Amino acid sequence: MEKQHSGRSSFSGKLGFVLSAAGASVGLGNIWRFPYLAAKYGGGIFLLIYILLAVTFGYTMIMAETALGRMTRKSPVGAFAASGKGRWRAFGGWINAVIPILIVPYYSVIGGWVIKYLVGYITGHGSELAQDGYFSSFIANGASVEIVFLLFTLLTLGIIFAGVRNGVERVSRMMMPVLVVLSVIIAAYSVTRPGALEGVKYFLVPNPANFSWMTVVTAMFYSLSIAMGILVTFGSYMKKDVSIEGSTKNVEIFDTLIAMMAGLMIIPAVFSFSGGDPDTLQAGPALMFITIPKVFESMELGSLVGVLFFVLVLFAAVTSSIALTESAVSTFEDELGWSRKKAAAVIGIIMVLLGSLSALGYGPLSGVTVIGMQFLDFFDFLTNSVMMPIAAIATCLLVTSVIGVEKIEEEVTQNGQPFRRKKVFNFMIRTLCPVFAAIILVSSVANALGWISM
């Protein structure tokens, strides 16, 4: 059975929730952004502060969103409205609901790029992928990008059509353990390459001179899938006998583990390839689709490592994309009374329409920009730099000023479940969480507009 007595879909238990929520958290950012930021901005000191923030700021936001979802049995819009009507509550609910609808189309475009590179390595064209200018030529080819984008979109929608337990949970249960195993295998191979230990030191040894508070706070915020409506939705699928705090701890461990393993996969390998030059490190698509293929080309087992690496990346992309899509579908089901199939079909149409803008944005539509940005970059800026911090602030205000932290405590401690970090939660949700979110909003917008450099 996939339905609870209320008629709402549910995860089978704690493991289903943890692996699905961890799958949402472990995405492309953990692989192509976190290692670069950690290595460049302080190494070991960055990692220590990141973990500290994860068990305070990240913990508090995950707890608040998950408890809100389970308490109300609603996706974000309904969860915010459950405590009464009001314009700002409607705004808070809808901004949390709209974020995944805007993210998943362009995220699926990048997922398509991953499919392209995985197929390239499987078919023995790894050397071609490592050539100068290959990636630029590929994303400029509108037809090629659109095809792989549609393939990734169909894969995502196929899983969503299968349901919460038979689709989202089943796929997460299969992909997440494989993802962990692959990360360990690749990291083990990477750190044994000639000259790789210098990369390990660069990644792990504290370098306070390069440390940036703002960078580590921002990295943590974008790593845990908070302020996207996902955890509210997944919380609404959580059974009452499952420990919210215990599940949150497991999600934190999964996310941090994969981020650390990504650093040990990538930093030592790049150092080995470059002869220890830290300037070779990059972030984002340039790292994954330009630098990494060159690194694999220099390895003895480069083609095999390339296959394993891009399988890992594909799994990370898929588990995140299904979480984003599930949140969007759940909103349409709850607020419009649609069937799951109708909601998924409409979301699919939105994904194709908006995603095609991003897919063609570096090719046929390269001359069309929004405030000077290509479509993919604009959607990323709008959701990550503007909407997500606002959504986090709205959640904090809802919990502290409307629902009350006492209600969250009641939900967390149902059936005698523990709330060991209650004091941390109460302090963070009332003070530092909204302050951090506001700082992230201002600094991210200023950075995106070129006013500051992060």
Protein backbone atom coordinates (compact mmCIF):
# COMPACT_ATOMS: atom_id res chain seq x y z
CA MET A 1 0.00 0.00 0.00
CA GLU A 2 1.26 3.51 -0.82
CA LYS A 3 -1.52 5.48 0.86
CA GLN A 4 -2.00 6.32 4.50
CA HIS A 5 -5.39 6.44 6.18
CA SER A 6 -5.68 10.08 5.05
CA GLY A 7 -5.36 9.01 1.43
CA ARG A 8 -2.01 10.75 1.05
CA SER A 9 0.98 8.94 -0.42
CA SER A 10 3.72 7.99 2.00
CA PHE A 11 7.22 6.61 2.22
CA SER A 12 7.49 3.07 3.52
CA GLY A 13 9.46 4.16 6.59
CA LYS A 14 12.55 5.98 7.83
CA LEU A 15 14.93 4.56 5.22
CA GLY A 16 12.64 5.59 2.39
CA PHE A 17 12.49 9.17 3.65
CA VAL A 18 16.21 9.40 4.42
CA LEU A 19 17.38 8.08 1.05
CA SER A 20 14.86 10.22 -0.85
CA ALA A 21 15.74 13.38 1.12
CA ALA A 22 19.45 12.62 0.85
CA GLY A 23 19.00 12.08 -2.88
CA ALA A 24 17.41 15.51 -3.11
CA SER A 25 20.34 17.06 -1.22
CA VAL A 26 23.12 15.23 -3.05
CA GLY A 27 23.08 16.92 -6.42
CA LEU A 28 25.38 18.46 -8.98
CA GLY A 29 26.41 21.22 -6.58
CA ASN A 30 28.01 18.69 -4.23
CA ILE A 31 30.17 17.45 -7.09
CA TRP A 32 31.07 20.48 -9.17
CA ARG A 33 30.87 23.34 -6.63
CA PHE A 34 31.65 22.12 -3.12
CA PRO A 35 35.16 20.66 -3.79
CA TYR A 36 36.31 23.85 -5.50
CA LEU A 37 34.96 26.13 -2.76
CA ALA A 38 36.32 23.99 0.07
CA ALA A 39 39.79 23.75 -1.45
CA LYS A 40 40.03 27.42 -2.43
CA TYR A 41 38.54 29.00 0.68
CA GLY A 42 40.37 27.44 3.57
CA GLY A 43 40.62 23.66 3.11
CA GLY A 44 40.23 21.98 6.50
CA ILE A 45 38.94 25.11 8.25
CA PHE A 46 36.24 25.45 5.57
CA LEU A 47 35.23 21.81 6.12
CA LEU A 48 35.07 22.20 9.91
CA ILE A 49 32.89 25.32 9.75
CA TYR A 50 30.75 23.70 7.06
CA ILE A 51 30.04 20.73 9.34
CA LEU A 52 29.31 23.08 12.25
CA LEU A 53 26.80 25.01 10.15
CA ALA A 54 25.27 21.79 8.83
CA VAL A 55 24.50 20.56 12.36
CA THR A 56 23.07 23.93 13.42
CA PHE A 57 21.71 26.04 10.55
CA GLY A 58 21.10 23.14 8.17
CA TYR A 59 19.70 20.93 10.92
CA THR A 60 17.24 23.61 12.01
CA MET A 61 15.88 24.28 8.52
CA ILE A 62 15.53 20.57 7.71
CA MET A 63 13.73 19.95 10.99
CA ALA A 64 11.40 22.93 10.52
CA GLU A 65 10.42 22.07 6.95
CA THR A 66 10.01 18.34 7.57
CA ALA A 67 7.93 18.88 10.73
CA LEU A 68 5.79 21.48 8.94
CA GLY A 69 5.05 19.03 6.16
CA ARG A 70 4.23 16.10 8.43
CA MET A 71 2.12 18.27 10.74
CA THR A 72 -0.08 19.57 7.95
CA ARG A 73 0.09 16.64 5.48
CA LYS A 74 0.37 19.25 2.75
CA SER A 75 2.84 20.49 0.15
CA PRO A 76 4.22 24.04 0.73
CA VAL A 77 1.17 26.12 -0.24
CA GLY A 78 -1.21 24.12 1.92
CA ALA A 79 1.32 23.88 4.75
CA PHE A 80 1.64 27.66 4.95
CA ALA A 81 -2.13 28.15 4.65
CA ALA A 82 -2.96 25.59 7.34
CA SER A 83 -2.37 28.13 10.11
CA GLY A 84 -4.77 30.65 8.62
CA LYS A 85 -5.21 32.92 5.63
CA GLY A 86 -3.10 35.93 4.86
CA ARG A 87 -1.22 37.45 1.95
CA TRP A 88 2.27 36.85 3.31
CA ARG A 89 1.43 33.25 4.18
CA ALA A 90 0.17 32.66 0.67
CA PHE A 91 3.33 34.31 -0.67
CA GLY A 92 5.55 32.15 1.55
CA GLY A 93 3.80 28.98 0.46
CA TRP A 94 3.81 29.78 -3.23
CA ILE A 95 7.43 30.92 -3.38
CA ASN A 96 8.44 27.57 -1.84
CA ALA A 97 6.21 25.81 -4.37
CA VAL A 98 7.35 27.72 -7.47
CA ILE A 99 11.09 27.29 -6.85
CA PRO A 100 11.23 23.60 -7.88
CA ILE A 101 8.99 24.31 -10.88
CA LEU A 102 11.58 26.81 -12.12
CA ILE A 103 14.69 24.82 -11.16
CA VAL A 104 13.90 21.38 -12.59
CA PRO A 105 13.68 22.49 -16.26
CA TYR A 106 17.21 23.92 -16.41
CA TYR A 107 18.50 21.22 -14.06
CA SER A 108 17.24 18.68 -16.59
CA VAL A 109 19.23 20.42 -19.31
CA ILE A 110 22.41 19.86 -17.30
CA GLY A 111 21.23 16.29 -16.68
CA GLY A 112 21.11 15.93 -20.45
CA TRP A 113 24.71 17.10 -20.70
CA VAL A 114 25.64 14.35 -18.23
CA ILE A 115 23.89 11.74 -20.40
CA LYS A 116 25.84 13.00 -23.43
CA TYR A 117 29.18 12.59 -21.67
CA LEU A 118 28.27 9.23 -20.14
CA VAL A 119 27.34 7.86 -23.56
CA GLY A 120 30.58 9.28 -24.93
CA TYR A 121 32.65 7.36 -22.41
CA ILE A 122 30.62 4.16 -22.80
CA THR A 123 31.09 4.24 -26.57
CA GLY A 124 34.84 4.86 -26.33
CA HIS A 125 34.92 8.55 -27.29
CA GLY A 126 36.58 9.81 -24.11
CA SER A 127 39.47 11.38 -26.04
CA GLU A 128 37.02 13.41 -28.10
CA LEU A 129 35.30 14.70 -24.95
CA ALA A 130 38.67 15.95 -23.64
CA GLN A 131 39.47 18.04 -26.71
CA ASP A 132 39.63 21.82 -26.44
CA GLY A 133 36.39 23.43 -27.51
CA TYR A 134 34.31 20.22 -27.42
CA PHE A 135 31.98 21.35 -24.66
CA SER A 136 31.43 24.79 -26.19
CA SER A 137 30.64 23.24 -29.56
CA PHE A 138 28.28 20.74 -27.96
CA ILE A 139 26.14 23.24 -26.02
CA ALA A 140 26.02 25.48 -29.10
CA ASN A 141 24.41 22.61 -31.06
CA GLY A 142 20.74 23.20 -30.28
CA ALA A 143 19.43 19.90 -31.66
CA SER A 144 21.96 17.74 -29.82
CA VAL A 145 21.36 19.48 -26.48
CA GLU A 146 17.58 19.37 -26.89
CA ILE A 147 17.60 15.63 -27.56
CA VAL A 148 19.56 14.70 -24.42
CA PHE A 149 17.55 17.21 -22.39
CA LEU A 150 14.33 15.50 -23.49
CA LEU A 151 15.79 12.09 -22.65
CA PHE A 152 16.60 13.21 -19.11
CA THR A 153 13.16 14.82 -18.75
CA LEU A 154 11.41 11.62 -19.85
CA LEU A 155 13.51 9.61 -17.37
CA THR A 156 12.49 11.95 -14.56
CA LEU A 157 8.82 11.95 -15.48
CA GLY A 158 8.75 8.16 -15.86
CA ILE A 159 9.88 7.82 -12.24
CA ILE A 160 7.35 10.41 -11.04
CA PHE A 161 4.47 8.69 -12.84
CA ALA A 162 5.30 5.51 -10.87
CA GLY A 163 4.38 7.22 -7.59
CA VAL A 164 6.02 8.17 -4.30
CA ARG A 165 6.87 4.71 -3.04
CA ASN A 166 7.19 2.83 -6.33
CA GLY A 167 8.95 5.69 -8.10
CA VAL A 168 10.77 8.26 -5.97
CA GLU A 169 11.55 5.98 -3.02
CA ARG A 170 12.42 2.89 -5.06
CA VAL A 171 14.82 4.77 -7.33
CA SER A 172 16.45 6.57 -4.38
CA ARG A 173 16.89 3.25 -2.55
CA MET A 174 18.70 1.87 -5.59
CA MET A 175 20.75 4.89 -6.68
CA MET A 176 21.97 6.31 -3.36
CA PRO A 177 23.92 3.23 -2.15
CA VAL A 178 25.45 2.82 -5.62
CA LEU A 179 26.38 6.50 -5.61
CA VAL A 180 28.19 6.11 -2.28
CA VAL A 181 30.07 3.00 -3.43
CA LEU A 182 31.14 4.66 -6.70
CA SER A 183 32.34 7.76 -4.85
CA VAL A 184 34.54 5.59 -2.59
CA ILE A 185 35.99 3.64 -5.54
CA ILE A 186 36.77 6.75 -7.59
CA ALA A 187 38.19 8.63 -4.59
CA ALA A 188 40.43 5.68 -3.73
CA TYR A 189 41.77 5.60 -7.28
CA SER A 190 42.16 9.37 -7.42
CA VAL A 191 44.22 9.75 -4.23
CA THR A 192 46.68 7.06 -5.40
CA ARG A 193 47.63 8.92 -8.58
CA PRO A 194 51.16 10.39 -8.78
CA GLY A 195 51.22 13.79 -7.09
CA ALA A 196 47.67 13.39 -5.78
CA LEU A 197 48.64 13.70 -2.12
CA GLU A 198 49.38 17.38 -2.65
CA GLY A 199 45.74 17.73 -3.69
CA VAL A 200 44.61 15.87 -0.57
CA LYS A 201 46.62 18.29 1.57
CA TYR A 202 45.21 21.29 -0.30
CA PHE A 203 41.70 20.00 0.35
CA LEU A 204 42.06 18.89 3.99
CA VAL A 205 44.78 20.98 5.64
CA PRO A 206 43.38 24.17 7.24
CA ASN A 207 44.38 27.41 5.53
CA PRO A 208 42.84 30.22 7.62
CA ALA A 209 44.34 32.92 5.39
CA ASN A 210 41.98 31.97 2.54
CA PHE A 211 38.90 31.32 4.66
CA SER A 212 35.63 33.07 3.77
CA TRP A 213 32.67 32.99 6.17
CA MET A 214 30.25 34.11 3.48
CA THR A 215 31.36 31.40 1.08
CA VAL A 216 30.96 28.56 3.59
CA VAL A 217 27.53 29.78 4.77
CA THR A 218 26.35 30.02 1.16
CA ALA A 219 27.80 26.60 0.28
CA MET A 220 26.00 24.94 3.18
CA PHE A 221 22.70 26.66 2.37
CA TYR A 222 22.66 25.44 -1.24
CA SER A 223 23.85 21.93 -0.37
CA LEU A 224 20.96 20.60 1.72
CA SER A 225 17.87 21.18 -0.49
CA ILE A 226 16.35 23.54 2.05
CA ALA A 227 14.01 26.37 0.96
CA MET A 228 12.86 24.49 -2.14
CA GLY A 229 9.61 23.05 -0.85
CA ILE A 230 11.07 19.55 -1.20
CA LEU A 231 11.44 18.79 2.50
CA VAL A 232 7.96 20.12 3.28
CA THR A 233 6.56 17.80 0.63
CA PHE A 234 8.66 14.82 1.73
CA GLY A 235 7.74 15.55 5.35
CA SER A 236 4.07 15.27 4.37
CA TYR A 237 4.85 11.71 3.17
CA MET A 238 6.60 10.75 6.44
CA LYS A 239 4.83 8.37 8.80
CA LYS A 240 4.12 9.54 12.35
CA ASP A 241 6.24 6.82 13.94
CA VAL A 242 9.41 7.91 12.12
CA SER A 243 11.85 10.10 14.06
CA ILE A 244 12.23 13.49 12.37
CA GLU A 245 15.44 14.27 14.27
CA GLY A 246 16.97 10.86 13.57
CA SER A 247 16.11 11.16 9.90
CA THR A 248 17.57 14.67 9.75
CA LYS A 249 20.85 13.43 11.24
CA ASN A 250 21.06 10.72 8.59
CA VAL A 251 20.43 13.21 5.78
CA GLU A 252 23.17 15.48 7.17
CA ILE A 253 25.61 12.57 7.25
CA PHE A 254 24.78 11.47 3.70
CA ASP A 255 25.10 14.96 2.26
CA THR A 256 28.36 15.77 4.04
CA LEU A 257 29.85 12.36 3.21
CA ILE A 258 29.19 12.72 -0.50
CA ALA A 259 30.51 16.30 -0.52
CA MET A 260 33.72 15.12 1.17
CA MET A 261 34.09 12.17 -1.18
CA ALA A 262 33.56 14.48 -4.16
CA GLY A 263 36.46 16.57 -2.94
CA LEU A 264 38.66 13.48 -2.63
CA MET A 265 37.58 12.36 -6.10
CA ILE A 266 38.25 15.65 -7.85
CA ILE A 267 40.92 17.74 -6.09
CA PRO A 268 43.69 15.08 -5.97
CA ALA A 269 42.97 14.03 -9.56
CA VAL A 270 43.21 17.61 -10.83
CA PHE A 271 46.43 18.17 -8.87
CA SER A 272 47.91 14.99 -10.32
CA PHE A 273 46.97 16.10 -13.83
CA SER A 274 48.19 19.70 -13.44
CA GLY A 275 51.40 18.99 -11.56
CA GLY A 276 50.05 20.58 -8.39
CA ASP A 277 48.76 23.83 -9.88
CA PRO A 278 45.73 24.99 -7.81
CA ASP A 279 44.79 27.49 -10.53
CA THR A 280 43.64 24.54 -12.65
CA LEU A 281 40.69 24.07 -10.30
CA GLN A 282 37.41 25.51 -11.51
CA ALA A 283 33.79 25.31 -10.43
CA GLY A 284 30.57 24.47 -12.25
CA PRO A 285 30.27 23.16 -15.81
CA ALA A 286 33.87 24.13 -16.61
CA LEU A 287 35.13 21.70 -13.96
CA MET A 288 32.86 18.79 -14.85
CA PHE A 289 32.71 19.04 -18.62
CA ILE A 290 36.09 20.55 -19.53
CA THR A 291 38.71 19.93 -16.83
CA ILE A 292 37.58 16.49 -15.60
CA PRO A 293 37.57 14.87 -19.10
CA LYS A 294 41.15 16.13 -19.58
CA VAL A 295 42.08 14.62 -16.22
CA PHE A 296 40.56 11.27 -17.20
CA GLU A 297 42.35 11.37 -20.56
CA SER A 298 45.68 11.52 -18.69
CA MET A 299 44.85 8.43 -16.58
CA GLU A 300 45.70 4.83 -17.43
CA LEU A 301 42.13 3.71 -16.73
CA GLY A 302 40.61 7.02 -17.77
CA SER A 303 37.78 5.60 -19.89
CA LEU A 304 36.60 3.28 -17.13
CA VAL A 305 36.87 6.00 -14.50
CA GLY A 306 34.96 8.30 -16.87
CA VAL A 307 32.09 5.81 -17.10
CA LEU A 308 31.95 5.32 -13.33
CA PHE A 309 32.18 9.06 -12.65
CA PHE A 310 29.40 10.07 -15.01
CA VAL A 311 27.17 7.21 -13.79
CA LEU A 312 27.66 8.69 -10.31
CA VAL A 313 26.88 12.19 -11.56
CA LEU A 314 23.82 10.96 -13.46
CA PHE A 315 22.47 9.26 -10.33
CA ALA A 316 23.04 12.45 -8.32
CA ALA A 317 21.23 14.47 -10.98
CA VAL A 318 18.30 12.04 -11.23
CA THR A 319 17.68 11.79 -7.47
CA SER A 320 17.63 15.58 -7.24
CA SER A 321 15.45 16.08 -10.32
CA ILE A 322 12.80 13.60 -9.14
CA ALA A 323 12.68 15.34 -5.75
CA LEU A 324 12.17 18.73 -7.41
CA THR A 325 9.53 17.34 -9.76
CA GLU A 326 7.74 15.47 -6.96
CA SER A 327 7.39 18.68 -4.95
CA ALA A 328 5.90 20.47 -7.96
CA VAL A 329 3.51 17.61 -8.76
CA SER A 330 2.39 17.42 -5.13
CA THR A 331 1.50 21.13 -5.16
CA PHE A 332 -0.71 20.71 -8.23
CA GLU A 333 -2.37 17.67 -6.69
CA ASP A 334 -3.08 19.45 -3.40
CA GLU A 335 -4.04 22.90 -4.62
CA LEU A 336 -5.84 22.11 -7.88
CA GLY A 337 -7.26 18.71 -6.98
CA TRP A 338 -5.66 17.09 -10.01
CA SER A 339 -4.80 13.42 -10.35
CA ARG A 340 -1.12 12.51 -10.13
CA LYS A 341 -0.97 11.69 -13.85
CA LYS A 342 -2.51 15.02 -14.87
CA ALA A 343 -0.25 16.97 -12.52
CA ALA A 344 2.85 15.13 -13.76
CA ALA A 345 1.84 15.68 -17.38
CA VAL A 346 1.40 19.42 -16.88
CA ILE A 347 4.71 19.68 -15.04
CA GLY A 348 6.27 17.77 -17.92
CA ILE A 349 4.96 20.34 -20.39
CA ILE A 350 6.36 23.16 -18.23
CA MET A 351 9.70 21.36 -18.04
CA VAL A 352 9.89 21.04 -21.81
CA LEU A 353 8.87 24.66 -22.49
CA LEU A 354 11.13 26.32 -19.93
CA GLY A 355 13.90 23.76 -20.30
CA SER A 356 14.06 24.27 -24.05
CA LEU A 357 14.86 27.94 -23.47
CA SER A 358 17.86 26.89 -21.39
CA ALA A 359 18.80 24.04 -23.75
CA LEU A 360 18.89 26.39 -26.74
CA GLY A 361 20.25 29.36 -24.81
CA TYR A 362 23.87 28.75 -25.78
CA GLY A 363 23.01 27.92 -29.38
CA PRO A 364 20.08 29.19 -31.50
CA LEU A 365 18.87 31.51 -28.70
CA SER A 366 22.31 32.74 -27.65
CA GLY A 367 21.43 36.25 -28.77
CA VAL A 368 18.47 36.40 -26.38
CA THR A 369 19.32 37.32 -22.79
CA VAL A 370 17.49 38.35 -19.62
CA ILE A 371 19.24 41.16 -17.68
CA GLY A 372 22.40 40.19 -19.53
CA MET A 373 22.17 36.46 -18.70
CA GLN A 374 21.53 33.38 -20.83
CA PHE A 375 18.26 31.64 -19.90
CA LEU A 376 19.92 28.88 -17.83
CA ASP A 377 22.01 31.40 -15.89
CA PHE A 378 18.98 33.65 -15.35
CA PHE A 379 16.77 30.86 -13.96
CA ASP A 380 19.65 29.78 -11.71
CA PHE A 381 20.13 33.36 -10.46
CA LEU A 382 16.40 33.92 -9.91
CA THR A 383 15.82 30.74 -7.92
CA ASN A 384 19.11 30.34 -6.03
CA SER A 385 20.12 33.95 -5.36
CA VAL A 386 16.69 35.54 -4.89
CA MET A 387 13.84 33.14 -4.23
CA MET A 388 15.45 30.50 -2.00
CA PRO A 389 16.74 32.89 0.69
CA ILE A 390 13.34 34.61 0.73
CA ALA A 391 11.64 31.21 1.07
CA ALA A 392 13.90 30.35 4.01
CA ILE A 393 13.06 33.64 5.75
CA ALA A 394 9.34 32.98 5.19
CA THR A 395 9.63 29.52 6.77
CA CYS A 396 11.43 30.92 9.82
CA LEU A 397 8.76 33.59 10.29
CA LEU A 398 5.95 31.06 9.91
CA VAL A 399 7.44 28.78 12.56
CA THR A 400 8.34 31.49 15.08
CA SER A 401 5.54 34.04 14.60
CA VAL A 402 2.51 32.02 13.50
CA ILE A 403 2.71 28.31 14.33
CA GLY A 404 5.05 28.61 17.29
CA VAL A 405 8.10 26.50 18.01
CA GLU A 406 6.07 24.60 20.62
CA LYS A 407 3.92 23.07 17.87
CA ILE A 408 7.03 21.98 16.00
CA GLU A 409 8.31 20.39 19.22
CA GLU A 410 5.02 18.51 19.64
CA GLU A 411 5.32 17.15 16.10
CA VAL A 412 8.95 16.14 16.50
CA THR A 413 8.39 14.35 19.83
CA GLN A 414 5.30 12.37 18.79
CA ASN A 415 5.32 8.75 19.97
CA GLY A 416 8.17 9.54 22.36
CA GLN A 417 10.62 10.42 19.59
CA PRO A 418 13.72 12.39 20.69
CA PHE A 419 14.43 16.11 20.20
CA ARG A 420 17.98 16.20 21.57
CA ARG A 421 19.01 19.43 19.85
CA LYS A 422 15.88 21.34 20.87
CA LYS A 423 17.85 24.24 22.34
CA VAL A 424 19.87 24.54 19.15
CA PHE A 425 16.68 24.50 17.09
CA ASN A 426 14.92 27.14 19.19
CA PHE A 427 17.91 29.48 19.17
CA MET A 428 18.67 29.09 15.45
CA ILE A 429 15.11 29.37 14.12
CA ARG A 430 14.46 32.53 16.14
CA THR A 431 17.75 34.31 15.50
CA LEU A 432 20.55 33.12 13.24
CA CYS A 433 18.59 31.24 10.53
CA PRO A 434 16.62 34.28 9.25
CA VAL A 435 19.72 36.47 9.63
CA PHE A 436 21.88 34.03 7.65
CA ALA A 437 19.19 33.76 4.96
CA ALA A 438 18.98 37.55 4.66
CA ILE A 439 22.76 37.82 4.36
CA ILE A 440 22.78 35.09 1.71
CA LEU A 441 20.06 36.95 -0.22
CA VAL A 442 21.92 40.27 -0.23
CA SER A 443 25.37 38.81 -0.93
CA SER A 444 24.18 36.39 -3.64
CA VAL A 445 22.35 39.11 -5.54
CA ALA A 446 25.31 41.48 -5.16
CA ASN A 447 27.69 38.77 -6.37
CA ALA A 448 25.51 37.85 -9.35
CA LEU A 449 25.27 41.51 -10.37
CA GLY A 450 29.02 41.94 -10.07
CA TRP A 451 28.93 44.34 -7.11
CA ILE A 452 31.05 42.01 -4.95
CA SER A 453 33.15 38.92 -5.62
CA MET A 454 32.57 35.71 -3.68
